[in-house]
C-alpha atoms as a PDB file:
ATOM      1  CA  MET A   1      12.240  12.898  14.834  1.00  0.00           C
ATOM      2  CA  ALA A   2      13.686   9.450  13.529  1.00  0.00           C
ATOM      3  CA  GLU A   3      12.612   7.761  17.066  1.00  0.00           C
ATOM      4  CA  LEU A   4       9.129   9.065  16.921  1.00  0.00           C
ATOM      5  CA  LEU A   5       8.773   7.231  13.410  1.00  0.00           C
ATOM      6  CA  LYS A   6       9.711   4.299  14.827  1.00  0.00           C
ATOM      7  CA  ASP A   7       7.316   4.331  17.851  1.00  0.00           C
ATOM      8  CA  SER A   8       5.365   1.531  18.298  1.00  0.00           C
ATOM      9  CA  ASN A   9       1.927   3.621  18.564  1.00  0.00           C
ATOM     10  CA  TRP A  10       0.712   4.400  15.242  1.00  0.00           C
ATOM     11  CA  GLN A  11      -0.567   7.599  16.516  1.00  0.00           C
ATOM     12  CA  VAL A  12       2.499   9.054  17.612  1.00  0.00           C
ATOM     13  CA  ARG A  13       4.325   7.868  14.277  1.00  0.00           C
ATOM     14  CA  ARG A  14       1.790   9.555  12.287  1.00  0.00           C
ATOM     15  CA  LYS A  15       1.975  12.796  14.398  1.00  0.00           C
ATOM     16  CA  ALA A  16       5.416  12.784  13.256  1.00  0.00           C
ATOM     17  CA  VAL A  17       4.925  12.166   9.654  1.00  0.00           C
ATOM     18  CA  LYS A  18       2.537  15.235   9.613  1.00  0.00           C
ATOM     19  CA  LYS A  19       5.569  17.080  10.906  1.00  0.00           C
ATOM     20  CA  LEU A  20       8.264  15.743   8.401  1.00  0.00           C
ATOM     21  CA  LYS A  21       9.478  17.387   6.096  1.00  0.00           C
ATOM     22  CA  ASP A  22      12.329  14.830   4.999  1.00  0.00           C
ATOM     23  CA  HIS A  23      11.444  13.346   1.754  1.00  0.00           C
ATOM     24  CA  ASP A  24      13.736  10.586   1.834  1.00  0.00           C
ATOM     25  CA  SER A  25      12.192   9.728   5.356  1.00  0.00           C
ATOM     26  CA  LEU A  26       8.557   9.971   3.907  1.00  0.00           C
ATOM     27  CA  ASP A  27       9.379   7.664   0.661  1.00  0.00           C
ATOM     28  CA  GLN A  28      10.692   4.972   3.823  1.00  0.00           C
ATOM     29  CA  VAL A  29       7.487   5.582   5.879  1.00  0.00           C
ATOM     30  CA  VAL A  30       5.250   5.300   2.807  1.00  0.00           C
ATOM     31  CA  LYS A  31       7.194   1.936   2.025  1.00  0.00           C
ATOM     32  CA  ASN A  32       7.397   0.619   5.256  1.00  0.00           C
ATOM     33  CA  ASP A  33       5.026   1.660   7.733  1.00  0.00           C
ATOM     34  CA  GLU A  34       2.478  -1.340   8.608  1.00  0.00           C
ATOM     35  CA  ASN A  35      -0.388   1.089   9.265  1.00  0.00           C
ATOM     36  CA  GLU A  36      -2.266   2.783   6.955  1.00  0.00           C
ATOM     37  CA  LYS A  37      -3.347   5.383   8.320  1.00  0.00           C
ATOM     38  CA  VAL A  38       0.670   6.429   8.998  1.00  0.00           C
ATOM     39  CA  ARG A  39       1.348   5.637   5.245  1.00  0.00           C
ATOM     40  CA  GLN A  40      -1.797   8.086   4.029  1.00  0.00           C
ATOM     41  CA  ALA A  41      -0.375  11.188   6.147  1.00  0.00           C
ATOM     42  CA  ALA A  42       2.967  10.050   4.461  1.00  0.00           C
ATOM     43  CA  VAL A  43       1.570   9.972   0.816  1.00  0.00           C
ATOM     44  CA  LYS A  44      -0.487  13.179   1.178  1.00  0.00           C
ATOM     45  CA  LYS A  45       3.004  15.156   2.145  1.00  0.00           C
ATOM     46  CA  LEU A  46       4.657  13.314  -0.534  1.00  0.00           C
ATOM     47  CA  LYS A  47       5.913  15.213  -3.502  1.00  0.00           C
ATOM     48  CA  LYS A  48       7.993  12.810  -5.250  1.00  0.00           C
ATOM     49  CA  GLU A  49       6.070  11.035  -7.916  1.00  0.00           C
ATOM     50  CA  GLU A  50       8.157   8.271  -8.335  1.00  0.00           C
ATOM     51  CA  THR A  51       7.387   7.121  -4.933  1.00  0.00           C
ATOM     52  CA  LEU A  52       3.605   8.177  -5.855  1.00  0.00           C
ATOM     53  CA  ALA A  53       3.952   5.800  -8.386  1.00  0.00           C
ATOM     54  CA  TRP A  54       5.146   3.124  -6.494  1.00  0.00           C
ATOM     55  CA  VAL A  55       2.353   3.362  -3.993  1.00  0.00           C
ATOM     56  CA  CYS A  56       0.141   2.938  -7.058  1.00  0.00           C
ATOM     57  CA  LYS A  57       1.562  -0.384  -7.850  1.00  0.00           C
ATOM     58  CA  ASN A  58       2.558  -1.827  -4.519  1.00  0.00           C
ATOM     59  CA  ASP A  59       0.519  -0.618  -1.450  1.00  0.00           C
ATOM     60  CA  LYS A  60      -2.163  -2.908  -0.235  1.00  0.00           C
ATOM     61  CA  CYS A  61      -4.594  -0.408   0.606  1.00  0.00           C
ATOM     62  CA  PRO A  62      -6.947   0.581  -2.102  1.00  0.00           C
ATOM     63  CA  ALA A  63      -7.582   4.434  -0.902  1.00  0.00           C
ATOM     64  CA  LEU A  64      -3.615   4.648  -0.555  1.00  0.00           C
ATOM     65  CA  ARG A  65      -3.023   3.617  -4.082  1.00  0.00           C
ATOM     66  CA  GLU A  66      -6.042   6.232  -5.246  1.00  0.00           C
ATOM     67  CA  LEU A  67      -4.485   9.209  -3.761  1.00  0.00           C
ATOM     68  CA  ALA A  68      -1.355   8.558  -4.791  1.00  0.00           C
ATOM     69  CA  LEU A  69      -2.574   8.169  -8.458  1.00  0.00           C
ATOM     70  CA  LYS A  70      -4.600  11.346  -8.399  1.00  0.00           C
ATOM     71  CA  LYS A  71      -1.111  13.379  -7.104  1.00  0.00           C
ATOM     72  CA  LEU A  72       0.278  12.237  -9.901  1.00  0.00           C
ATOM     73  CA  ASP A  73       0.957  14.242 -13.212  1.00  0.00           C
ATOM     74  CA  PRO A  74      -1.254  13.169 -15.838  1.00  0.00           C
ATOM     75  CA  ALA A  75       0.937  14.044 -18.638  1.00  0.00           C
ATOM     76  CA  LYS A  76       3.738  12.184 -17.082  1.00  0.00           C
ATOM     77  CA  TRP A  77       2.380   9.203 -16.005  1.00  0.00           C
ATOM     78  CA  GLN A  78       0.356   8.114 -19.178  1.00  0.00           C
ATOM     79  CA  ASP A  79       2.201   4.227 -19.198  1.00  0.00           C
ATOM     80  CA  LEU A  80       1.649   3.727 -15.729  1.00  0.00           C
ATOM     81  CA  PHE A  81      -2.144   4.667 -15.638  1.00  0.00           C
ATOM     82  CA  ALA A  82      -2.728   2.493 -19.017  1.00  0.00           C
ATOM     83  CA  ASP A  83      -1.070  -0.265 -16.970  1.00  0.00           C
ATOM     84  CA  ILE A  84      -3.395   0.081 -13.948  1.00  0.00           C
ATOM     85  CA  ALA A  85      -6.395   0.268 -16.392  1.00  0.00           C
ATOM     86  CA  GLU A  86      -5.859  -2.792 -18.108  1.00  0.00           C
ATOM     87  CA  ASN A  87      -4.028  -4.705 -15.398  1.00  0.00           C
ATOM     88  CA  ASP A  88      -5.105  -4.127 -12.044  1.00  0.00           C
ATOM     89  CA  GLU A  89      -7.059  -7.057 -10.095  1.00  0.00           C
ATOM     90  CA  ASP A  90      -8.978  -3.782  -8.280  1.00  0.00           C
ATOM     91  CA  ASP A  91     -11.443  -2.776 -10.250  1.00  0.00           C
ATOM     92  CA  GLU A  92     -11.883   0.173  -7.903  1.00  0.00           C
ATOM     93  CA  MET A  93      -8.268   1.337  -8.859  1.00  0.00           C
ATOM     94  CA  ARG A  94      -8.778   0.520 -12.314  1.00  0.00           C
ATOM     95  CA  ILE A  95     -11.522   3.465 -12.559  1.00  0.00           C
ATOM     96  CA  PRO A  96      -9.631   6.484 -11.774  1.00  0.00           C
ATOM     97  CA  ALA A  97      -6.845   4.875 -13.803  1.00  0.00           C
ATOM     98  CA  ILE A  98      -8.972   5.149 -16.801  1.00  0.00           C
ATOM     99  CA  LYS A  99     -10.316   8.988 -15.951  1.00  0.00           C
ATOM    100  CA  ARG A 100      -7.089   9.880 -15.753  1.00  0.00           C
ATOM    101  CA  LEU A 101      -6.187   8.406 -19.529  1.00  0.00           C
ATOM    102  CA  ASP A 102      -5.851  10.600 -22.401  1.00  0.00           C
ATOM    103  CA  GLU A 103      -8.672   9.247 -24.965  1.00  0.00           C
ATOM    104  CA  LYS A 104      -6.442  10.270 -28.188  1.00  0.00           C
ATOM    105  CA  LYS A 105      -3.533   8.092 -27.156  1.00  0.00           C
ATOM    106  CA  TRP A 106      -5.289   5.499 -25.329  1.00  0.00           C
ATOM    107  CA  ARG A 107      -8.370   4.560 -27.465  1.00  0.00           C
ATOM    108  CA  GLU A 108      -7.633   1.029 -28.665  1.00  0.00           C
ATOM    109  CA  LEU A 109      -6.948   0.340 -24.786  1.00  0.00           C
ATOM    110  CA  LEU A 110     -10.359   2.161 -23.781  1.00  0.00           C
ATOM    111  CA  ALA A 111     -12.518   0.009 -26.467  1.00  0.00           C
ATOM    112  CA  LYS A 112     -10.999  -3.054 -25.372  1.00  0.00           C
ATOM    113  CA  ILE A 113     -12.171  -2.334 -21.614  1.00  0.00           C
ATOM    114  CA  ALA A 114     -14.960  -0.897 -22.804  1.00  0.00           C
ATOM    115  CA  GLY A 115     -16.203  -3.934 -24.857  1.00  0.00           C
ATOM    116  CA  ASP A 116     -14.714  -6.840 -22.730  1.00  0.00           C
ATOM    117  CA  SER A 117     -17.693  -8.200 -20.827  1.00  0.00           C
ATOM    118  CA  ASN A 118     -15.203 -10.092 -18.318  1.00  0.00           C
ATOM    119  CA  ASN A 119     -14.182  -6.504 -17.191  1.00  0.00           C
ATOM    120  CA  GLY A 120     -16.382  -5.199 -14.234  1.00  0.00           C
ATOM    121  CA  VAL A 121     -19.018  -2.900 -15.294  1.00  0.00           C
ATOM    122  CA  PHE A 122     -17.637  -0.001 -13.687  1.00  0.00           C
ATOM    123  CA  ALA A 123     -14.717   0.049 -15.491  1.00  0.00           C
ATOM    124  CA  ARG A 124     -16.370  -0.766 -18.614  1.00  0.00           C
ATOM    125  CA  TYR A 125     -18.882   2.344 -18.084  1.00  0.00           C
ATOM    126  CA  GLN A 126     -15.998   4.635 -17.429  1.00  0.00           C
ATOM    127  CA  ALA A 127     -14.079   3.718 -20.540  1.00  0.00           C
ATOM    128  CA  ILE A 128     -17.396   4.259 -22.216  1.00  0.00           C
ATOM    129  CA  ALA A 129     -17.616   7.407 -21.062  1.00  0.00           C
ATOM    130  CA  LYS A 130     -14.084   8.574 -22.092  1.00  0.00           C
ATOM    131  CA  LEU A 131     -14.600   7.120 -25.541  1.00  0.00           C
ATOM    132  CA  GLN A 132     -15.678   9.884 -28.286  1.00  0.00           C
ATOM    133  CA  ASP A 133     -15.186   7.440 -31.374  1.00  0.00           C
ATOM    134  CA  LYS A 134     -18.714   7.267 -32.741  1.00  0.00           C
ATOM    135  CA  GLU A 135     -17.600   4.059 -34.778  1.00  0.00           C
ATOM    136  CA  LEU A 136     -16.427   2.475 -31.644  1.00  0.00           C
ATOM    137  CA  LEU A 137     -19.175   3.489 -29.562  1.00  0.00           C
ATOM    138  CA  THR A 138     -22.228   2.558 -32.335  1.00  0.00           C
ATOM    139  CA  GLY A 139     -20.565  -0.843 -32.182  1.00  0.00           C
ATOM    140  CA  ILE A 140     -20.926  -1.024 -28.566  1.00  0.00           C
ATOM    141  CA  VAL A 141     -24.661   0.046 -29.043  1.00  0.00           C
ATOM    142  CA  ARG A 142     -25.313  -2.534 -31.412  1.00  0.00           C
ATOM    143  CA  ASN A 143     -23.362  -5.508 -30.061  1.00  0.00           C
ATOM    144  CA  ASP A 144     -23.207  -5.572 -26.397  1.00  0.00           C
ATOM    145  CA  LYS A 145     -25.071  -8.288 -24.623  1.00  0.00           C
ATOM    146  CA  ASP A 146     -25.372  -6.043 -21.690  1.00  0.00           C
ATOM    147  CA  GLU A 147     -28.539  -3.608 -21.999  1.00  0.00           C
ATOM    148  CA  ASN A 148     -27.068  -1.119 -19.186  1.00  0.00           C
ATOM    149  CA  ILE A 149     -23.835  -1.162 -21.100  1.00  0.00           C
ATOM    150  CA  ARG A 150     -25.079  -0.546 -24.431  1.00  0.00           C
ATOM    151  CA  ARG A 151     -27.363   2.303 -22.772  1.00  0.00           C
ATOM    152  CA  ALA A 152     -23.986   3.715 -21.504  1.00  0.00           C
ATOM    153  CA  ALA A 153     -22.560   3.786 -24.872  1.00  0.00           C
ATOM    154  CA  GLU A 154     -25.898   5.682 -26.725  1.00  0.00           C
ATOM    155  CA  LYS A 155     -25.441   7.783 -23.888  1.00  0.00           C
ATOM    156  CA  SER A 156     -21.586   8.811 -24.983  1.00  0.00           C
ATOM    157  CA  LEU A 157     -22.434   8.569 -28.643  1.00  0.00           C
ATOM    158  CA  LYS A 158     -24.957  11.390 -28.374  1.00  0.00           C
ATOM    159  CA  LYS A 159     -22.483  13.325 -26.001  1.00  0.00           C
ATOM    160  CA  ALA A 160     -20.000  12.425 -28.814  1.00  0.00           C
ATOM    161  CA  SER A 161     -22.343  13.666 -31.728  1.00  0.00           C
ATOM    162  CA  GLY A 162     -23.316  16.560 -29.479  1.00  0.00           C
ATOM    163  CA  LEU A 163     -19.624  17.704 -29.235  1.00  0.00           C
ATOM    164  CA  ILE A 164     -19.002  17.346 -33.197  1.00  0.00           C
ATOM    165  CA  ILE A 165     -22.262  19.487 -34.041  1.00  0.00           C
ATOM    166  CA  HIS A 166     -21.271  22.074 -31.792  1.00  0.00           C
ATOM    167  CA  ARG A 167     -18.177  22.364 -33.159  1.00  0.00           C
ATOM    168  CA  LEU A 168     -19.184  22.751 -36.697  1.00  0.00           C
ATOM    169  CA  SER A 169     -22.047  25.095 -35.746  1.00  0.00           C
ATOM    170  CA  PRO A 170     -21.481  28.582 -36.492  1.00  0.00           C
ATOM    171  CA  PHE A 171     -23.525  29.545 -33.295  1.00  0.00           C
END
C-alpha cells in the first residue's frame, strides 16, 4: 500500500487512500499529497480532528478546508471557528465557520463581523442571520449604510422577536 501512495499517478494514489485504514498514513496524505482529489479522499476518511483542524487552517483548496471544517465537533472547536470567521482571507471559508459559531458565546464577534462594511457581504449576512440580540440588530437596521444589510438585519430582528414572543405565548 505504501508504494501505491507514492505512485506518480494521482488516480492510483486516490484508490489507495480509499482502501487505507491507517490514520497516520491518512494524516501524511492530507498534509503532503499535491493533488487535491487525493487529499479530498483522505479528508473524507479522516477522523482525527487535530488533522482536520490543520486542514482548515492550512490547505490551499477552499473546498477541502470547508469539508474538514464541517467534520469537526462544534463543541470542541469554537475557538478555531471564531479565528477563521474573523481572520480568514477567504470569505467562502468564513461563512461555514460563522454558521458553526455558538451565538451566545460569540455574540460580540458576530456583531463585529455583521457591522463591519470591510467584511464580505455574505459573511456579514451569515453573522446577521446568527445574531438574536435585538438591540444589536436594531442598531444595524438603523445605522448600516448598505440597504441589503439593513434588510437582512430587519429580517433577523423579526425572527428574533418572533422567537421571544413564541416562547412567552401560552398557546
